[in-house]
């Protein structure tokens, strides 16, 4: 009557009916048919968003974390601040990352001629490079010692260069580590009247300022 397949209707039996006795008293079964509701299509799950690569740790964060850990293990109560390295950058080179240690009684971190500070810087560079998977130019400073030392060496170089220009006699500076000798060489490389030379061996190596006329 509905023109549907059995699978398209719900059948509710109202009365079972009866065969009767020898066909006498028989009753038909009574049922109610209802069209099945059409299935609601289930939308496919949304496509997962494209994975965004998590940003890797930055050298300044990793450097500060590692340096603070080293200082704590060494027994120093200090803080670390990230500073611009424009006054420590060589001409034409990108600025280094400067981690400046601040606190009280930090002279032991500098050491004789900055030896302890250079060793601390070397270890930190290795640790940070291992964490961020690339080499980074990191300078470790203590209470701006390197900046103050750099300005002092540049001033000394120009004063001695003026004396050498006037006297015509070469003059040697005190023995210095390689990075300090480089500061003197760079400070005087465009000087019109003097040039510089490194002489000596090992810890006794020093910069000699020589008049160009010689």
C-alpha atoms as a PDB file:
ATOM      1  CA  UNK A   1       0.000   0.000   0.000  1.00  0.00           C
ATOM      2  CA  UNK A   2       2.850   2.397   0.755  1.00  0.00           C
ATOM      3  CA  UNK A   3       4.847   1.256  -2.226  1.00  0.00           C
ATOM      4  CA  UNK A   4       7.953   0.743  -0.048  1.00  0.00           C
ATOM      5  CA  UNK A   5      10.327  -2.077   0.703  1.00  0.00           C
ATOM      6  CA  UNK A   6      10.193  -3.867   4.041  1.00  0.00           C
ATOM      7  CA  UNK A   7      13.520  -2.289   4.941  1.00  0.00           C
ATOM      8  CA  UNK A   8      12.054   1.188   4.446  1.00  0.00           C
ATOM      9  CA  UNK A   9       9.308   0.949   7.071  1.00  0.00           C
ATOM     10  CA  UNK A  10       9.007   0.434  10.796  1.00  0.00           C
ATOM     11  CA  UNK A  11       6.432  -2.264  11.722  1.00  0.00           C
ATOM     12  CA  UNK A  12       4.563  -2.027  15.014  1.00  0.00           C
ATOM     13  CA  UNK A  13       2.352  -5.069  15.868  1.00  0.00           C
ATOM     14  CA  UNK A  14      -0.867  -3.883  17.520  1.00  0.00           C
ATOM     15  CA  UNK A  15      -2.564  -7.322  17.893  1.00  0.00           C
ATOM     16  CA  UNK A  16      -1.164 -10.723  17.054  1.00  0.00           C
ATOM     17  CA  UNK A  17      -4.441 -12.049  15.565  1.00  0.00           C
ATOM     18  CA  UNK A  18      -5.780 -15.551  16.010  1.00  0.00           C
ATOM     19  CA  UNK A  19      -6.264 -18.651  13.821  1.00  0.00           C
ATOM     20  CA  UNK A  20      -9.481 -19.549  15.630  1.00  0.00           C
ATOM     21  CA  UNK A  21     -10.727 -23.130  15.860  1.00  0.00           C
ATOM     22  CA  UNK A  22     -11.132 -24.843  12.548  1.00  0.00           C
ATOM     23  CA  UNK A  23     -11.157 -21.383  11.017  1.00  0.00           C
ATOM     24  CA  UNK A  24     -14.014 -20.247  13.229  1.00  0.00           C
ATOM     25  CA  UNK A  25     -13.319 -17.057  15.207  1.00  0.00           C
ATOM     26  CA  UNK A  26     -10.127 -16.257  13.297  1.00  0.00           C
ATOM     27  CA  UNK A  27      -8.870 -12.652  13.580  1.00  0.00           C
ATOM     28  CA  UNK A  28      -6.347 -10.847  11.430  1.00  0.00           C
ATOM     29  CA  UNK A  29      -3.299  -9.323  12.987  1.00  0.00           C
ATOM     30  CA  UNK A  30      -3.275  -5.519  13.237  1.00  0.00           C
ATOM     31  CA  UNK A  31      -0.073  -3.640  12.497  1.00  0.00           C
ATOM     32  CA  UNK A  32       0.966  -0.029  12.096  1.00  0.00           C
ATOM     33  CA  UNK A  33       3.537   0.903   9.431  1.00  0.00           C
ATOM     34  CA  UNK A  34       5.609   4.061   9.489  1.00  0.00           C
ATOM     35  CA  UNK A  35       8.165   5.258   7.027  1.00  0.00           C
ATOM     36  CA  UNK A  36      11.679   5.132   8.414  1.00  0.00           C
ATOM     37  CA  UNK A  37      13.344   8.504   8.788  1.00  0.00           C
ATOM     38  CA  UNK A  38      15.961   9.139   6.133  1.00  0.00           C
ATOM     39  CA  UNK A  39      19.446   8.795   7.617  1.00  0.00           C
ATOM     40  CA  UNK A  40      21.142  12.093   8.314  1.00  0.00           C
ATOM     41  CA  UNK A  41      24.462  12.155   6.484  1.00  0.00           C
ATOM     42  CA  UNK A  42      27.381  12.444   8.853  1.00  0.00           C
ATOM     43  CA  UNK A  43      29.862  15.026   7.567  1.00  0.00           C
ATOM     44  CA  UNK A  44      33.441  13.846   7.296  1.00  0.00           C
ATOM     45  CA  UNK A  45      35.715  15.026  10.090  1.00  0.00           C
ATOM     46  CA  UNK A  46      37.525  18.263   9.318  1.00  0.00           C
ATOM     47  CA  UNK A  47      40.940  17.867   7.820  1.00  0.00           C
ATOM     48  CA  UNK A  48      43.644  18.349  10.423  1.00  0.00           C
ATOM     49  CA  UNK A  49      45.284  21.733  10.308  1.00  0.00           C
ATOM     50  CA  UNK A  50      48.731  21.669   8.745  1.00  0.00           C
ATOM     51  CA  UNK A  51      51.352  21.151  11.345  1.00  0.00           C
ATOM     52  CA  UNK A  52      53.271  24.273  12.211  1.00  0.00           C
ATOM     53  CA  UNK A  53      56.827  23.640  13.131  1.00  0.00           C
ATOM     54  CA  UNK A  54      57.473  24.797  16.643  1.00  0.00           C
ATOM     55  CA  UNK A  55      59.993  27.583  16.825  1.00  0.00           C
ATOM     56  CA  UNK A  56      63.307  26.332  18.086  1.00  0.00           C
ATOM     57  CA  UNK A  57      64.992  27.776  21.145  1.00  0.00           C
ATOM     58  CA  UNK A  58      66.698  31.097  20.530  1.00  0.00           C
ATOM     59  CA  UNK A  59      70.378  31.596  21.397  1.00  0.00           C
ATOM     60  CA  UNK A  60      69.690  34.448  23.855  1.00  0.00           C
ATOM     61  CA  UNK A  61      67.232  32.358  25.900  1.00  0.00           C
ATOM     62  CA  UNK A  62      69.386  29.240  25.822  1.00  0.00           C
ATOM     63  CA  UNK A  63      72.525  31.249  26.530  1.00  0.00           C
ATOM     64  CA  UNK A  64      70.996  33.038  29.514  1.00  0.00           C
ATOM     65  CA  UNK A  65      69.641  29.758  30.916  1.00  0.00           C
ATOM     66  CA  UNK A  66      72.950  27.908  30.545  1.00  0.00           C
ATOM     67  CA  UNK A  67      75.021  30.789  31.891  1.00  0.00           C
ATOM     68  CA  UNK A  68      72.806  31.182  34.977  1.00  0.00           C
ATOM     69  CA  UNK A  69      73.087  27.458  35.622  1.00  0.00           C
ATOM     70  CA  UNK A  70      76.879  27.619  35.398  1.00  0.00           C
ATOM     71  CA  UNK A  71      77.033  30.602  37.751  1.00  0.00           C
ATOM     72  CA  UNK A  72      74.822  28.903  40.334  1.00  0.00           C
ATOM     73  CA  UNK A  73      76.975  25.782  40.286  1.00  0.00           C
ATOM     74  CA  UNK A  74      80.058  27.969  40.733  1.00  0.00           C
ATOM     75  CA  UNK A  75      78.481  29.576  43.799  1.00  0.00           C
ATOM     76  CA  UNK A  76      77.843  33.054  42.364  1.00  0.00           C
ATOM     77  CA  UNK A  77      74.647  34.991  43.020  1.00  0.00           C
ATOM     78  CA  UNK A  78      74.261  36.962  39.829  1.00  0.00           C
ATOM     79  CA  UNK A  79      71.894  37.946  37.054  1.00  0.00           C
ATOM     80  CA  UNK A  80      72.314  37.826  33.290  1.00  0.00           C
ATOM     81  CA  UNK A  81      71.132  40.528  30.897  1.00  0.00           C
ATOM     82  CA  UNK A  82      71.152  40.490  27.103  1.00  0.00           C
ATOM     83  CA  UNK A  83      72.815  43.579  25.624  1.00  0.00           C
ATOM     84  CA  UNK A  84      73.394  44.856  22.078  1.00  0.00           C
ATOM     85  CA  UNK A  85      76.902  44.121  20.891  1.00  0.00           C
ATOM     86  CA  UNK A  86      77.397  47.049  18.529  1.00  0.00           C
ATOM     87  CA  UNK A  87      80.392  48.386  20.448  1.00  0.00           C
ATOM     88  CA  UNK A  88      82.058  44.951  20.363  1.00  0.00           C
ATOM     89  CA  UNK A  89      81.351  44.156  16.703  1.00  0.00           C
ATOM     90  CA  UNK A  90      84.134  44.342  14.171  1.00  0.00           C
ATOM     91  CA  UNK A  91      83.662  46.522  11.107  1.00  0.00           C
ATOM     92  CA  UNK A  92      81.460  44.832   8.519  1.00  0.00           C
ATOM     93  CA  UNK A  93      80.558  41.969  10.854  1.00  0.00           C
ATOM     94  CA  UNK A  94      77.147  41.239  12.452  1.00  0.00           C
ATOM     95  CA  UNK A  95      76.682  42.204  16.064  1.00  0.00           C
ATOM     96  CA  UNK A  96      77.539  39.452  18.535  1.00  0.00           C
ATOM     97  CA  UNK A  97      75.139  38.365  21.255  1.00  0.00           C
ATOM     98  CA  UNK A  98      76.369  39.852  24.541  1.00  0.00           C
ATOM     99  CA  UNK A  99      75.379  38.233  27.846  1.00  0.00           C
ATOM    100  CA  UNK A 100      76.393  40.577  30.632  1.00  0.00           C
ATOM    101  CA  UNK A 101      76.686  39.190  34.177  1.00  0.00           C
ATOM    102  CA  UNK A 102      75.728  41.586  36.969  1.00  0.00           C
ATOM    103  CA  UNK A 103      76.043  41.151  40.724  1.00  0.00           C
ATOM    104  CA  UNK A 104      78.429  41.622  43.627  1.00  0.00           C
ATOM    105  CA  UNK A 105      82.020  40.397  43.989  1.00  0.00           C
ATOM    106  CA  UNK A 106      82.340  39.114  40.434  1.00  0.00           C
ATOM    107  CA  UNK A 107      86.016  39.919  39.939  1.00  0.00           C
ATOM    108  CA  UNK A 108      86.895  36.221  40.146  1.00  0.00           C
ATOM    109  CA  UNK A 109      84.860  35.630  36.992  1.00  0.00           C
ATOM    110  CA  UNK A 110      87.205  37.886  35.027  1.00  0.00           C
ATOM    111  CA  UNK A 111      90.488  36.442  36.245  1.00  0.00           C
ATOM    112  CA  UNK A 112      93.989  37.484  35.338  1.00  0.00           C
ATOM    113  CA  UNK A 113      93.901  39.365  32.032  1.00  0.00           C
ATOM    114  CA  UNK A 114      90.371  38.061  31.492  1.00  0.00           C
ATOM    115  CA  UNK A 115      91.459  34.403  31.307  1.00  0.00           C
ATOM    116  CA  UNK A 116      88.582  33.068  33.437  1.00  0.00           C
ATOM    117  CA  UNK A 117      86.058  35.120  31.472  1.00  0.00           C
ATOM    118  CA  UNK A 118      87.370  33.763  28.154  1.00  0.00           C
ATOM    119  CA  UNK A 119      87.183  30.175  29.442  1.00  0.00           C
ATOM    120  CA  UNK A 120      83.598  30.737  30.616  1.00  0.00           C
ATOM    121  CA  UNK A 121      82.699  32.193  27.229  1.00  0.00           C
ATOM    122  CA  UNK A 122      84.247  29.240  25.378  1.00  0.00           C
ATOM    123  CA  UNK A 123      82.281  26.700  27.410  1.00  0.00           C
ATOM    124  CA  UNK A 124      79.032  28.616  26.987  1.00  0.00           C
ATOM    125  CA  UNK A 125      79.468  28.813  23.213  1.00  0.00           C
ATOM    126  CA  UNK A 126      79.871  25.040  23.061  1.00  0.00           C
ATOM    127  CA  UNK A 127      76.778  24.453  25.198  1.00  0.00           C
ATOM    128  CA  UNK A 128      74.558  26.843  23.232  1.00  0.00           C
ATOM    129  CA  UNK A 129      75.759  25.519  19.876  1.00  0.00           C
ATOM    130  CA  UNK A 130      74.882  21.997  20.986  1.00  0.00           C
ATOM    131  CA  UNK A 131      71.359  23.080  21.999  1.00  0.00           C
ATOM    132  CA  UNK A 132      70.444  25.249  18.986  1.00  0.00           C
ATOM    133  CA  UNK A 133      72.420  23.187  16.438  1.00  0.00           C
ATOM    134  CA  UNK A 134      74.423  26.097  15.075  1.00  0.00           C
ATOM    135  CA  UNK A 135      77.432  28.177  16.035  1.00  0.00           C
ATOM    136  CA  UNK A 136      76.671  31.591  17.547  1.00  0.00           C
ATOM    137  CA  UNK A 137      78.974  34.500  18.241  1.00  0.00           C
ATOM    138  CA  UNK A 138      78.327  34.935  21.958  1.00  0.00           C
ATOM    139  CA  UNK A 139      80.340  37.273  24.160  1.00  0.00           C
ATOM    140  CA  UNK A 140      80.195  36.830  27.925  1.00  0.00           C
ATOM    141  CA  UNK A 141      80.833  40.042  29.830  1.00  0.00           C
ATOM    142  CA  UNK A 142      80.984  40.904  33.540  1.00  0.00           C
ATOM    143  CA  UNK A 143      79.664  44.306  34.589  1.00  0.00           C
ATOM    144  CA  UNK A 144      80.494  45.595  31.070  1.00  0.00           C
ATOM    145  CA  UNK A 145      84.178  44.782  31.610  1.00  0.00           C
ATOM    146  CA  UNK A 146      84.792  43.990  27.939  1.00  0.00           C
ATOM    147  CA  UNK A 147      83.236  47.227  26.712  1.00  0.00           C
ATOM    148  CA  UNK A 148      85.190  49.272  29.227  1.00  0.00           C
ATOM    149  CA  UNK A 149      88.399  47.368  28.431  1.00  0.00           C
ATOM    150  CA  UNK A 150      87.850  47.825  24.681  1.00  0.00           C
ATOM    151  CA  UNK A 151      87.420  51.596  25.024  1.00  0.00           C
ATOM    152  CA  UNK A 152      90.461  51.765  27.302  1.00  0.00           C
ATOM    153  CA  UNK A 153      92.642  49.882  24.806  1.00  0.00           C
ATOM    154  CA  UNK A 154      91.503  52.053  21.910  1.00  0.00           C
ATOM    155  CA  UNK A 155      92.319  55.191  23.899  1.00  0.00           C
ATOM    156  CA  UNK A 156      95.722  53.762  24.889  1.00  0.00           C
ATOM    157  CA  UNK A 157      96.495  52.816  21.285  1.00  0.00           C
ATOM    158  CA  UNK A 158      95.822  56.336  20.013  1.00  0.00           C
ATOM    159  CA  UNK A 159      97.845  57.983  22.810  1.00  0.00           C
ATOM    160  CA  UNK A 160     100.861  55.777  22.152  1.00  0.00           C
ATOM    161  CA  UNK A 161     100.458  56.243  18.388  1.00  0.00           C
ATOM    162  CA  UNK A 162     100.664  60.032  18.879  1.00  0.00           C
ATOM    163  CA  UNK A 163     103.866  59.654  20.897  1.00  0.00           C
ATOM    164  CA  UNK A 164     105.389  57.350  18.292  1.00  0.00           C
ATOM    165  CA  UNK A 165     104.461  59.758  15.508  1.00  0.00           C
ATOM    166  CA  UNK A 166     106.200  62.634  17.282  1.00  0.00           C
ATOM    167  CA  UNK A 167     109.277  60.737  18.485  1.00  0.00           C
ATOM    168  CA  UNK A 168     109.788  58.494  15.486  1.00  0.00           C
ATOM    169  CA  UNK A 169     110.573  55.578  17.828  1.00  0.00           C
ATOM    170  CA  UNK A 170     108.603  52.349  18.081  1.00  0.00           C
ATOM    171  CA  UNK A 171     106.925  51.526  21.379  1.00  0.00           C
ATOM    172  CA  UNK A 172     105.668  48.188  22.656  1.00  0.00           C
ATOM    173  CA  UNK A 173     102.520  47.787  24.726  1.00  0.00           C
ATOM    174  CA  UNK A 174     102.091  45.316  27.590  1.00  0.00           C
ATOM    175  CA  UNK A 175     101.508  41.629  26.738  1.00  0.00           C
ATOM    176  CA  UNK A 176      97.867  40.976  25.824  1.00  0.00           C
ATOM    177  CA  UNK A 177      95.659  38.068  24.788  1.00  0.00           C
ATOM    178  CA  UNK A 178      94.840  37.743  21.103  1.00  0.00           C
ATOM    179  CA  UNK A 179      91.423  39.445  21.196  1.00  0.00           C
ATOM    180  CA  UNK A 180      92.883  42.514  22.945  1.00  0.00           C
ATOM    181  CA  UNK A 181      95.773  42.743  20.468  1.00  0.00           C
ATOM    182  CA  UNK A 182      93.172  42.664  17.702  1.00  0.00           C
ATOM    183  CA  UNK A 183      91.428  45.673  19.263  1.00  0.00           C
ATOM    184  CA  UNK A 184      94.685  47.654  19.073  1.00  0.00           C
ATOM    185  CA  UNK A 185      95.377  46.546  15.493  1.00  0.00           C
ATOM    186  CA  UNK A 186      91.880  47.568  14.387  1.00  0.00           C
ATOM    187  CA  UNK A 187      92.049  50.904  16.224  1.00  0.00           C
ATOM    188  CA  UNK A 188      95.233  51.912  14.341  1.00  0.00           C
ATOM    189  CA  UNK A 189      94.848  50.165  10.997  1.00  0.00           C
ATOM    190  CA  UNK A 190      93.927  53.415   9.221  1.00  0.00           C
ATOM    191  CA  UNK A 191      96.348  55.632  11.146  1.00  0.00           C
ATOM    192  CA  UNK A 192      98.301  57.855   8.729  1.00  0.00           C
ATOM    193  CA  UNK A 193     101.643  57.757  10.558  1.00  0.00           C
ATOM    194  CA  UNK A 194     101.984  54.406  12.380  1.00  0.00           C
ATOM    195  CA  UNK A 195     101.468  50.707  11.842  1.00  0.00           C
ATOM    196  CA  UNK A 196     101.237  47.818  14.304  1.00  0.00           C
ATOM    197  CA  UNK A 197     103.035  44.496  14.689  1.00  0.00           C
ATOM    198  CA  UNK A 198     102.557  41.566  17.075  1.00  0.00           C
ATOM    199  CA  UNK A 199     105.832  40.292  18.518  1.00  0.00           C
ATOM    200  CA  UNK A 200     106.775  37.697  21.125  1.00  0.00           C
ATOM    201  CA  UNK A 201     105.514  34.215  21.923  1.00  0.00           C
ATOM    202  CA  UNK A 202     102.715  32.794  24.060  1.00  0.00           C
ATOM    203  CA  UNK A 203     101.641  34.896  27.012  1.00  0.00           C
ATOM    204  CA  UNK A 204     104.445  37.385  26.312  1.00  0.00           C
ATOM    205  CA  UNK A 205     103.084  38.284  22.867  1.00  0.00           C
ATOM    206  CA  UNK A 206     102.476  42.029  22.579  1.00  0.00           C
ATOM    207  CA  UNK A 207     101.662  44.775  20.078  1.00  0.00           C
ATOM    208  CA  UNK A 208     104.421  47.116  18.956  1.00  0.00           C
ATOM    209  CA  UNK A 209     103.445  50.452  17.400  1.00  0.00           C
ATOM    210  CA  UNK A 210     105.933  51.440  14.703  1.00  0.00           C
ATOM    211  CA  UNK A 211     106.243  54.701  12.731  1.00  0.00           C
ATOM    212  CA  UNK A 212     105.487  54.190   9.031  1.00  0.00           C
ATOM    213  CA  UNK A 213     108.495  56.192   7.941  1.00  0.00           C
ATOM    214  CA  UNK A 214     110.661  53.532   9.584  1.00  0.00           C
END
